[in-house]
């Protein structure tokens, strides 16, 4: 259960987690670490997809525009 023990409300960036036995764990091993890791994973995943899709668009452009024009220029009609 999350709650503000030990005096007063928590700051926006401060998260404290109390285990079943009442010990407080906070900082790097709290829920904030996992949400930051998830956000980083999603950002990297999205960036990877952008790069892959751009490569696919380049391959499609070569196959549908450049290669037929090259065949016409070299008179290698099919």
C-alpha atoms as a PDB file:
ATOM      1  CA  UNK A   1       0.000   0.000   0.000  1.00  0.00           C
ATOM      2  CA  UNK A   2       1.297   3.448  -0.871  1.00  0.00           C
ATOM      3  CA  UNK A   3       0.944   6.164   1.687  1.00  0.00           C
ATOM      4  CA  UNK A   4       2.772   9.113   3.150  1.00  0.00           C
ATOM      5  CA  UNK A   5       4.078   8.032   6.525  1.00  0.00           C
ATOM      6  CA  UNK A   6       6.965   9.637   8.334  1.00  0.00           C
ATOM      7  CA  UNK A   7       5.505  13.118   8.295  1.00  0.00           C
ATOM      8  CA  UNK A   8       3.553  15.004   5.674  1.00  0.00           C
ATOM      9  CA  UNK A   9       2.694  14.612   2.032  1.00  0.00           C
ATOM     10  CA  UNK A  10       5.156  13.304  -0.501  1.00  0.00           C
ATOM     11  CA  UNK A  11       6.739  15.438  -3.167  1.00  0.00           C
ATOM     12  CA  UNK A  12       5.641  14.848  -6.774  1.00  0.00           C
ATOM     13  CA  UNK A  13       8.767  12.892  -7.729  1.00  0.00           C
ATOM     14  CA  UNK A  14       9.124  11.012  -4.433  1.00  0.00           C
ATOM     15  CA  UNK A  15       7.446   7.621  -4.188  1.00  0.00           C
ATOM     16  CA  UNK A  16       7.646   5.391  -1.137  1.00  0.00           C
ATOM     17  CA  UNK A  17       6.566   1.765  -1.139  1.00  0.00           C
ATOM     18  CA  UNK A  18       5.895  -0.136   2.056  1.00  0.00           C
ATOM     19  CA  UNK A  19       6.270  -3.901   1.970  1.00  0.00           C
ATOM     20  CA  UNK A  20       3.971  -6.288   3.812  1.00  0.00           C
ATOM     21  CA  UNK A  21       6.231  -6.223   6.878  1.00  0.00           C
ATOM     22  CA  UNK A  22       6.189  -2.398   6.989  1.00  0.00           C
ATOM     23  CA  UNK A  23       9.689  -1.712   5.689  1.00  0.00           C
ATOM     24  CA  UNK A  24       9.986   1.222   3.347  1.00  0.00           C
ATOM     25  CA  UNK A  25      11.738   0.861   0.009  1.00  0.00           C
ATOM     26  CA  UNK A  26      12.193   3.899  -2.154  1.00  0.00           C
ATOM     27  CA  UNK A  27      14.534   5.379  -4.696  1.00  0.00           C
ATOM     28  CA  UNK A  28      16.003   3.230  -7.399  1.00  0.00           C
ATOM     29  CA  UNK A  29      14.098   0.083  -6.499  1.00  0.00           C
ATOM     30  CA  UNK A  30      10.655   1.682  -6.205  1.00  0.00           C
ATOM     31  CA  UNK A  31       7.888   1.798  -8.804  1.00  0.00           C
ATOM     32  CA  UNK A  32       9.411   4.906 -10.397  1.00  0.00           C
ATOM     33  CA  UNK A  33      12.360   2.903 -11.743  1.00  0.00           C
ATOM     34  CA  UNK A  34      10.072   0.528 -13.593  1.00  0.00           C
ATOM     35  CA  UNK A  35       7.954   3.298 -15.117  1.00  0.00           C
ATOM     36  CA  UNK A  36      11.107   5.084 -16.350  1.00  0.00           C
ATOM     37  CA  UNK A  37      12.428   1.831 -17.790  1.00  0.00           C
ATOM     38  CA  UNK A  38       9.114   1.165 -19.515  1.00  0.00           C
ATOM     39  CA  UNK A  39       9.065   4.676 -21.001  1.00  0.00           C
ATOM     40  CA  UNK A  40      12.609   4.215 -22.299  1.00  0.00           C
ATOM     41  CA  UNK A  41      11.728   0.816 -23.779  1.00  0.00           C
ATOM     42  CA  UNK A  42       8.691   2.257 -25.566  1.00  0.00           C
ATOM     43  CA  UNK A  43      10.717   5.177 -26.935  1.00  0.00           C
ATOM     44  CA  UNK A  44      13.440   2.874 -28.272  1.00  0.00           C
ATOM     45  CA  UNK A  45      10.822   0.531 -29.713  1.00  0.00           C
ATOM     46  CA  UNK A  46       9.089   3.368 -31.549  1.00  0.00           C
ATOM     47  CA  UNK A  47      12.382   4.738 -32.882  1.00  0.00           C
ATOM     48  CA  UNK A  48      13.389   1.292 -34.141  1.00  0.00           C
ATOM     49  CA  UNK A  49      10.096   0.952 -36.001  1.00  0.00           C
ATOM     50  CA  UNK A  50      10.587   4.348 -37.649  1.00  0.00           C
ATOM     51  CA  UNK A  51      14.040   3.331 -38.900  1.00  0.00           C
ATOM     52  CA  UNK A  52      12.838  -0.049 -40.193  1.00  0.00           C
ATOM     53  CA  UNK A  53       9.814   1.449 -41.952  1.00  0.00           C
ATOM     54  CA  UNK A  54      12.024   4.105 -43.575  1.00  0.00           C
ATOM     55  CA  UNK A  55      14.304   1.349 -44.870  1.00  0.00           C
ATOM     56  CA  UNK A  56      11.298  -0.501 -46.292  1.00  0.00           C
ATOM     57  CA  UNK A  57      10.161   2.689 -48.017  1.00  0.00           C
ATOM     58  CA  UNK A  58      13.634   3.077 -49.537  1.00  0.00           C
ATOM     59  CA  UNK A  59      13.622  -0.497 -50.832  1.00  0.00           C
ATOM     60  CA  UNK A  60      10.154  -0.057 -52.316  1.00  0.00           C
ATOM     61  CA  UNK A  61      11.191   3.184 -54.030  1.00  0.00           C
ATOM     62  CA  UNK A  62      14.207   1.503 -55.575  1.00  0.00           C
ATOM     63  CA  UNK A  63      12.135  -1.464 -56.782  1.00  0.00           C
ATOM     64  CA  UNK A  64       9.222   0.535 -58.224  1.00  0.00           C
ATOM     65  CA  UNK A  65      10.844   3.742 -59.523  1.00  0.00           C
ATOM     66  CA  UNK A  66      14.594   3.513 -59.956  1.00  0.00           C
ATOM     67  CA  UNK A  67      14.983  -0.021 -61.367  1.00  0.00           C
ATOM     68  CA  UNK A  68      12.276   0.375 -64.070  1.00  0.00           C
ATOM     69  CA  UNK A  69      13.785   3.726 -65.100  1.00  0.00           C
ATOM     70  CA  UNK A  70      17.229   2.124 -65.275  1.00  0.00           C
ATOM     71  CA  UNK A  71      15.868  -0.721 -67.437  1.00  0.00           C
ATOM     72  CA  UNK A  72      14.278   1.822 -69.805  1.00  0.00           C
ATOM     73  CA  UNK A  73      17.525   3.858 -69.985  1.00  0.00           C
ATOM     74  CA  UNK A  74      19.623   0.783 -70.734  1.00  0.00           C
ATOM     75  CA  UNK A  75      16.971  -0.541 -73.121  1.00  0.00           C
ATOM     76  CA  UNK A  76      16.700  -3.810 -71.216  1.00  0.00           C
ATOM     77  CA  UNK A  77      12.944  -4.074 -71.747  1.00  0.00           C
ATOM     78  CA  UNK A  78      11.250  -7.048 -70.290  1.00  0.00           C
END
